[in-house]
C-alpha cells in the first residue's frame, strides 16, 4: 500500500497523491525518508529539496523553505511556510536572486542575505540546476 502525500503551503495544496517514498529535510536532523508503514513522526522542516517517488517511478521535487512534516497511518503531510514545485520555478529569477544574495553577503550583510542565498540555492537544487 503506498503512502498518501499532501504538500500544503499557506496559499493552497501544492500537490496531493500517492507515493512509494518521501525524502525531506528536517531542521537540525538532516534528511529523512518515509516509506509505507513508517512509525508516527512529527518534525520541523528545514530548507531543502523534498523528493516524492511516485508509483510510476516519477520523482516530484519540491523546494521547501520551512514548516512541519507529520507522518501517521501511511499519510505524509508537509505543511510548509513556503514551497514550490520544481516545475514552477523560474530559473532566471532564482539565478538572479542567488547573485543578489551573494553580492549582499560580499557587502557585509548577514542574516537576511544568508537566508536569501539559502532560498535561492534550494530553488535551483529543486529545479536540478547546477548554478
N, C-alpha and C. Protein backbone atom coordinates (compact mmCIF):
# COMPACT_ATOMS: atom_id res chain seq x y z
N UNK A 1 0.84 -1.18 0.00
CA UNK A 1 0.00 0.00 0.00
C UNK A 1 0.89 1.24 0.00
N UNK A 2 0.67 2.19 -0.92
CA UNK A 2 1.51 3.39 -0.97
C UNK A 2 1.16 4.39 0.14
N UNK A 3 2.01 5.37 0.26
CA UNK A 3 1.76 6.49 1.15
C UNK A 3 0.80 7.46 0.46
N UNK A 4 -0.02 8.14 1.23
CA UNK A 4 -0.78 9.26 0.68
C UNK A 4 -0.06 10.53 1.14
N UNK A 5 0.28 11.39 0.20
CA UNK A 5 1.10 12.56 0.50
C UNK A 5 0.32 13.83 0.15
N UNK A 6 0.42 14.81 1.04
CA UNK A 6 -0.11 16.14 0.77
C UNK A 6 0.98 17.16 1.08
N UNK A 7 1.22 18.05 0.12
CA UNK A 7 2.18 19.13 0.31
C UNK A 7 1.36 20.42 0.27
N UNK A 8 1.34 21.11 1.40
CA UNK A 8 0.45 22.25 1.56
C UNK A 8 1.27 23.49 1.94
N UNK A 9 0.98 24.59 1.26
CA UNK A 9 1.55 25.88 1.63
C UNK A 9 0.40 26.74 2.14
N UNK A 10 0.68 27.90 2.72
CA UNK A 10 -0.42 28.73 3.23
C UNK A 10 -1.45 29.10 2.16
N UNK A 11 -1.02 29.17 0.92
CA UNK A 11 -1.92 29.60 -0.15
C UNK A 11 -2.81 28.47 -0.67
N UNK A 12 -2.26 27.22 -0.71
CA UNK A 12 -3.02 26.14 -1.37
C UNK A 12 -2.36 24.79 -1.16
N UNK A 13 -3.05 23.76 -1.61
CA UNK A 13 -2.46 22.42 -1.66
C UNK A 13 -1.63 22.38 -2.95
N UNK A 14 -0.32 22.26 -2.80
CA UNK A 14 0.56 22.24 -3.98
C UNK A 14 0.47 20.92 -4.72
N UNK A 15 0.39 19.83 -3.95
CA UNK A 15 0.34 18.52 -4.57
C UNK A 15 -0.25 17.53 -3.58
N UNK A 16 -1.03 16.60 -4.09
CA UNK A 16 -1.56 15.50 -3.27
C UNK A 16 -1.63 14.27 -4.16
N UNK A 17 -1.22 13.15 -3.59
CA UNK A 17 -1.26 11.91 -4.36
C UNK A 17 -0.57 10.79 -3.62
N UNK A 18 -0.41 9.67 -4.31
CA UNK A 18 0.24 8.51 -3.71
C UNK A 18 1.73 8.51 -4.02
N UNK A 19 2.49 7.88 -3.13
CA UNK A 19 3.93 7.81 -3.29
C UNK A 19 4.45 6.52 -2.66
N UNK A 20 5.57 6.07 -3.20
CA UNK A 20 6.27 4.91 -2.62
C UNK A 20 7.28 5.33 -1.57
N UNK A 21 7.73 6.60 -1.66
CA UNK A 21 8.74 7.09 -0.71
C UNK A 21 8.73 8.62 -0.74
N UNK A 22 9.01 9.20 0.42
CA UNK A 22 9.19 10.65 0.53
C UNK A 22 10.49 10.89 1.28
N UNK A 23 11.34 11.74 0.74
CA UNK A 23 12.57 12.15 1.42
C UNK A 23 12.50 13.65 1.60
N UNK A 24 12.71 14.10 2.83
CA UNK A 24 12.66 15.53 3.11
C UNK A 24 13.73 15.88 4.14
N UNK A 25 13.96 17.17 4.32
CA UNK A 25 14.99 17.65 5.24
C UNK A 25 14.34 18.19 6.50
N UNK A 26 14.80 17.71 7.65
CA UNK A 26 14.30 18.24 8.91
C UNK A 26 15.32 19.20 9.49
N UNK A 27 14.84 20.16 10.24
CA UNK A 27 15.71 21.16 10.87
C UNK A 27 16.59 20.47 11.90
N UNK A 28 17.89 20.56 11.70
CA UNK A 28 18.84 20.01 12.65
C UNK A 28 18.96 18.50 12.63
N UNK A 29 18.15 17.81 11.82
CA UNK A 29 18.19 16.35 11.81
C UNK A 29 18.64 15.75 10.51
N UNK A 30 18.82 16.57 9.49
CA UNK A 30 19.22 16.05 8.19
C UNK A 30 18.04 15.50 7.42
N UNK A 31 18.35 14.74 6.37
CA UNK A 31 17.31 14.16 5.53
C UNK A 31 16.71 12.94 6.20
N UNK A 32 15.42 12.73 5.96
CA UNK A 32 14.72 11.57 6.48
C UNK A 32 13.83 11.01 5.38
N UNK A 33 13.78 9.69 5.29
CA UNK A 33 12.95 9.03 4.29
C UNK A 33 11.76 8.37 4.98
N UNK A 34 10.61 8.46 4.34
CA UNK A 34 9.40 7.83 4.83
C UNK A 34 8.93 6.81 3.80
N UNK A 35 8.69 5.60 4.28
CA UNK A 35 8.18 4.51 3.46
C UNK A 35 6.86 4.04 4.06
N UNK A 36 6.05 3.31 3.29
CA UNK A 36 4.82 2.77 3.87
C UNK A 36 5.13 2.00 5.16
N UNK A 37 4.27 2.18 6.16
CA UNK A 37 4.45 1.51 7.44
C UNK A 37 5.34 2.26 8.41
N UNK A 38 5.79 3.48 8.05
CA UNK A 38 6.66 4.27 8.94
C UNK A 38 5.93 4.56 10.24
N UNK A 39 6.67 4.57 11.32
CA UNK A 39 6.09 4.91 12.62
C UNK A 39 5.66 6.38 12.62
N UNK A 40 4.71 6.74 13.46
CA UNK A 40 4.29 8.14 13.53
C UNK A 40 5.49 9.05 13.79
N UNK A 41 5.48 10.21 13.15
CA UNK A 41 6.60 11.14 13.23
C UNK A 41 6.08 12.55 13.05
N UNK A 42 6.67 13.49 13.77
CA UNK A 42 6.41 14.90 13.55
C UNK A 42 7.73 15.63 13.68
N UNK A 43 8.00 16.52 12.75
CA UNK A 43 9.26 17.25 12.79
C UNK A 43 9.15 18.60 12.11
N UNK A 44 10.12 19.44 12.42
CA UNK A 44 10.23 20.78 11.84
C UNK A 44 11.03 20.67 10.55
N UNK A 45 10.50 21.20 9.46
CA UNK A 45 11.19 21.14 8.17
C UNK A 45 12.26 22.23 8.09
N UNK A 46 13.41 21.83 7.61
CA UNK A 46 14.46 22.80 7.30
C UNK A 46 14.40 23.12 5.82
N UNK A 47 15.13 24.12 5.39
CA UNK A 47 15.15 24.43 3.96
C UNK A 47 15.85 23.30 3.21
N UNK A 48 15.22 22.84 2.14
CA UNK A 48 15.80 21.76 1.36
C UNK A 48 14.85 21.29 0.28
N UNK A 49 15.31 20.28 -0.44
CA UNK A 49 14.52 19.70 -1.51
C UNK A 49 13.82 18.45 -0.98
N UNK A 50 12.52 18.39 -1.16
CA UNK A 50 11.75 17.20 -0.83
C UNK A 50 11.54 16.42 -2.12
N UNK A 51 11.79 15.11 -2.05
CA UNK A 51 11.57 14.25 -3.21
C UNK A 51 10.46 13.26 -2.90
N UNK A 52 9.51 13.17 -3.82
CA UNK A 52 8.38 12.26 -3.69
C UNK A 52 8.47 11.27 -4.85
N UNK A 53 8.74 10.00 -4.51
CA UNK A 53 8.81 8.95 -5.54
C UNK A 53 7.40 8.41 -5.75
N UNK A 54 6.86 8.69 -6.92
CA UNK A 54 5.51 8.27 -7.25
C UNK A 54 5.52 6.81 -7.72
N UNK A 55 4.38 6.12 -7.61
CA UNK A 55 4.32 4.71 -8.00
C UNK A 55 4.76 4.43 -9.45
N UNK A 56 4.62 5.41 -10.34
CA UNK A 56 5.04 5.21 -11.74
C UNK A 56 6.53 5.44 -11.95
N UNK A 57 7.26 5.74 -10.86
CA UNK A 57 8.70 5.95 -10.95
C UNK A 57 9.12 7.40 -11.10
N UNK A 58 8.17 8.28 -11.37
CA UNK A 58 8.47 9.71 -11.50
C UNK A 58 8.82 10.27 -10.12
N UNK A 59 9.82 11.15 -10.08
CA UNK A 59 10.21 11.81 -8.83
C UNK A 59 9.77 13.27 -8.90
N UNK A 60 8.90 13.64 -7.99
CA UNK A 60 8.46 15.02 -7.84
C UNK A 60 9.44 15.71 -6.91
N UNK A 61 9.99 16.85 -7.33
CA UNK A 61 10.93 17.61 -6.50
C UNK A 61 10.27 18.91 -6.09
N UNK A 62 10.41 19.24 -4.80
CA UNK A 62 9.76 20.43 -4.24
C UNK A 62 10.78 21.21 -3.42
N UNK A 63 10.89 22.50 -3.67
CA UNK A 63 11.72 23.38 -2.84
C UNK A 63 10.89 23.74 -1.62
N UNK A 64 11.40 23.38 -0.44
CA UNK A 64 10.68 23.61 0.81
C UNK A 64 11.51 24.56 1.67
N UNK A 65 10.87 25.58 2.21
CA UNK A 65 11.57 26.61 2.99
C UNK A 65 11.02 26.70 4.40
N UNK A 66 10.97 25.58 5.09
CA UNK A 66 10.49 25.56 6.47
C UNK A 66 9.08 25.03 6.57
N UNK A 67 8.67 24.76 7.81
CA UNK A 67 7.34 24.24 8.07
C UNK A 67 7.42 22.99 8.93
N UNK A 68 6.45 22.08 8.73
CA UNK A 68 6.38 20.87 9.54
C UNK A 68 6.05 19.68 8.66
N UNK A 69 6.48 18.50 9.11
CA UNK A 69 6.10 17.24 8.47
C UNK A 69 5.46 16.36 9.53
N UNK A 70 4.37 15.72 9.15
CA UNK A 70 3.70 14.78 10.05
C UNK A 70 3.44 13.50 9.28
N UNK A 71 3.75 12.36 9.92
CA UNK A 71 3.52 11.05 9.32
C UNK A 71 2.69 10.23 10.29
N UNK A 72 1.62 9.64 9.76
CA UNK A 72 0.76 8.79 10.58
C UNK A 72 -0.13 7.96 9.66
N UNK A 73 -0.23 6.67 9.93
CA UNK A 73 -1.11 5.78 9.18
C UNK A 73 -0.91 5.88 7.67
N UNK A 74 0.34 5.81 7.22
CA UNK A 74 0.69 5.87 5.80
C UNK A 74 0.24 7.16 5.12
N UNK A 75 0.17 8.24 5.89
CA UNK A 75 -0.12 9.58 5.37
C UNK A 75 1.04 10.48 5.73
N UNK A 76 1.54 11.21 4.76
CA UNK A 76 2.62 12.17 4.97
C UNK A 76 2.07 13.55 4.62
N UNK A 77 2.08 14.44 5.60
CA UNK A 77 1.62 15.81 5.38
C UNK A 77 2.80 16.74 5.58
N UNK A 78 3.11 17.51 4.56
CA UNK A 78 4.13 18.55 4.66
C UNK A 78 3.41 19.88 4.65
N UNK A 79 3.50 20.60 5.76
CA UNK A 79 2.86 21.90 5.91
C UNK A 79 3.99 22.92 5.87
N UNK A 80 4.15 23.56 4.74
CA UNK A 80 5.31 24.42 4.55
C UNK A 80 4.97 25.89 4.60
N UNK A 81 5.88 26.66 5.19
CA UNK A 81 5.76 28.12 5.18
C UNK A 81 5.75 28.60 3.72
N UNK A 82 6.67 28.07 2.94
CA UNK A 82 6.79 28.37 1.52
C UNK A 82 7.30 27.12 0.83
N UNK A 83 6.65 26.73 -0.25
CA UNK A 83 7.08 25.57 -1.02
C UNK A 83 6.79 25.83 -2.49
N UNK A 84 7.65 25.27 -3.36
CA UNK A 84 7.48 25.44 -4.79
C UNK A 84 7.77 24.12 -5.49
N UNK A 85 6.87 23.72 -6.38
CA UNK A 85 7.15 22.56 -7.22
C UNK A 85 8.27 22.92 -8.18
N UNK A 86 9.14 21.97 -8.46
CA UNK A 86 10.29 22.25 -9.34
C UNK A 86 9.83 22.76 -10.70
N UNK A 87 8.70 22.28 -11.17
CA UNK A 87 8.20 22.69 -12.48
C UNK A 87 7.73 24.14 -12.50
N UNK A 88 7.50 24.74 -11.34
CA UNK A 88 7.04 26.12 -11.27
C UNK A 88 8.12 27.13 -10.95
N UNK A 89 9.36 26.66 -10.87
CA UNK A 89 10.46 27.55 -10.50
C UNK A 89 10.98 28.27 -11.74
N UNK A 90 11.04 29.59 -11.66
CA UNK A 90 11.58 30.43 -12.73
C UNK A 90 13.09 30.46 -12.54
N UNK A 91 13.82 29.74 -13.39
CA UNK A 91 15.27 29.62 -13.23
C UNK A 91 15.99 30.96 -13.32
N UNK A 92 15.60 31.80 -14.26
CA UNK A 92 16.26 33.10 -14.40
C UNK A 92 16.10 33.93 -13.13
N UNK A 93 14.89 33.89 -12.58
CA UNK A 93 14.63 34.65 -11.35
C UNK A 93 15.41 34.07 -10.17
N UNK A 94 15.48 32.74 -10.08
CA UNK A 94 16.23 32.10 -9.00
C UNK A 94 17.72 32.40 -9.11
N UNK A 95 18.25 32.38 -10.33
CA UNK A 95 19.69 32.70 -10.52
C UNK A 95 19.96 34.16 -10.15
N UNK A 96 19.05 35.07 -10.53
CA UNK A 96 19.21 36.49 -10.19
C UNK A 96 19.17 36.67 -8.68
N UNK A 97 18.27 35.95 -7.99
CA UNK A 97 18.19 36.04 -6.52
C UNK A 97 19.47 35.53 -5.89
N UNK A 98 20.03 34.47 -6.45
CA UNK A 98 21.30 33.93 -5.95
C UNK A 98 22.41 34.97 -6.08
N UNK A 99 22.49 35.62 -7.22
CA UNK A 99 23.51 36.65 -7.45
C UNK A 99 23.34 37.83 -6.50
N UNK A 100 22.10 38.27 -6.30
CA UNK A 100 21.84 39.39 -5.37
C UNK A 100 22.27 39.02 -3.95
N UNK A 101 21.93 37.80 -3.53
CA UNK A 101 22.28 37.36 -2.18
C UNK A 101 23.80 37.26 -2.02
N UNK A 102 24.47 36.73 -3.03
CA UNK A 102 25.94 36.63 -2.96
C UNK A 102 26.57 38.02 -2.88
N UNK A 103 26.04 38.97 -3.65
CA UNK A 103 26.55 40.34 -3.60
C UNK A 103 26.31 40.98 -2.24
N UNK A 104 25.14 40.75 -1.67
CA UNK A 104 24.82 41.31 -0.35
C UNK A 104 25.75 40.74 0.71
N UNK A 105 26.06 39.45 0.61
CA UNK A 105 26.99 38.84 1.58
C UNK A 105 28.39 39.43 1.45
N UNK A 106 28.81 39.66 0.21
CA UNK A 106 30.14 40.27 -0.01
C UNK A 106 30.19 41.69 0.53
N UNK A 107 29.03 42.37 0.52
CA UNK A 107 28.95 43.74 1.02
C UNK A 107 28.82 43.78 2.54
N UNK A 108 28.80 42.61 3.16
CA UNK A 108 28.79 42.58 4.62
C UNK A 108 27.44 42.37 5.27
N UNK A 109 26.38 42.20 4.47
CA UNK A 109 25.07 41.93 5.07
C UNK A 109 25.06 40.51 5.61
N UNK A 110 24.25 40.28 6.67
CA UNK A 110 24.34 39.00 7.35
C UNK A 110 23.13 38.09 7.19
N UNK A 111 22.32 38.02 8.22
CA UNK A 111 21.26 37.02 8.33
C UNK A 111 20.29 37.00 7.15
N UNK A 112 19.79 38.15 6.78
CA UNK A 112 18.82 38.20 5.69
C UNK A 112 19.44 37.74 4.38
N UNK A 113 20.67 38.15 4.12
CA UNK A 113 21.36 37.74 2.89
C UNK A 113 21.64 36.25 2.89
N UNK A 114 22.02 35.70 4.04
CA UNK A 114 22.25 34.25 4.14
C UNK A 114 20.97 33.47 3.88
N UNK A 115 19.85 33.95 4.44
CA UNK A 115 18.56 33.29 4.24
C UNK A 115 18.15 33.36 2.76
N UNK A 116 18.36 34.50 2.13
CA UNK A 116 18.03 34.66 0.72
C UNK A 116 18.90 33.74 -0.14
N UNK A 117 20.17 33.64 0.21
CA UNK A 117 21.08 32.75 -0.50
C UNK A 117 20.61 31.30 -0.38
N UNK A 118 20.24 30.89 0.81
CA UNK A 118 19.78 29.51 1.03
C UNK A 118 18.50 29.23 0.24
N UNK A 119 17.56 30.18 0.23
CA UNK A 119 16.32 30.00 -0.54
C UNK A 119 16.62 29.83 -2.03
N UNK A 120 17.51 30.66 -2.55
CA UNK A 120 17.87 30.57 -3.98
C UNK A 120 18.56 29.25 -4.28
N UNK A 121 19.44 28.81 -3.39
CA UNK A 121 20.14 27.53 -3.59
C UNK A 121 19.15 26.37 -3.60
N UNK A 122 18.18 26.39 -2.69
CA UNK A 122 17.18 25.33 -2.62
C UNK A 122 16.33 25.31 -3.88
N UNK A 123 15.90 26.49 -4.35
CA UNK A 123 15.10 26.56 -5.58
C UNK A 123 15.85 25.96 -6.75
N UNK A 124 17.13 26.35 -6.89
CA UNK A 124 17.92 25.84 -8.00
C UNK A 124 18.17 24.34 -7.88
N UNK A 125 18.38 23.86 -6.66
CA UNK A 125 18.58 22.42 -6.45
C UNK A 125 17.30 21.65 -6.79
N UNK A 126 16.14 22.17 -6.42
CA UNK A 126 14.87 21.51 -6.73
C UNK A 126 14.65 21.45 -8.24
N UNK A 127 15.06 22.50 -8.91
CA UNK A 127 14.91 22.56 -10.37
C UNK A 127 16.03 21.79 -11.07
N UNK A 128 16.94 21.22 -10.27
CA UNK A 128 18.06 20.44 -10.79
C UNK A 128 18.96 21.29 -11.66
N UNK A 129 19.20 22.51 -11.22
CA UNK A 129 20.05 23.46 -11.94
C UNK A 129 21.35 23.61 -11.16
N UNK A 130 22.49 23.34 -11.78
CA UNK A 130 23.76 23.38 -11.05
C UNK A 130 24.30 24.77 -10.74
N UNK A 131 23.58 25.84 -11.12
CA UNK A 131 24.06 27.20 -10.90
C UNK A 131 24.75 27.31 -9.59
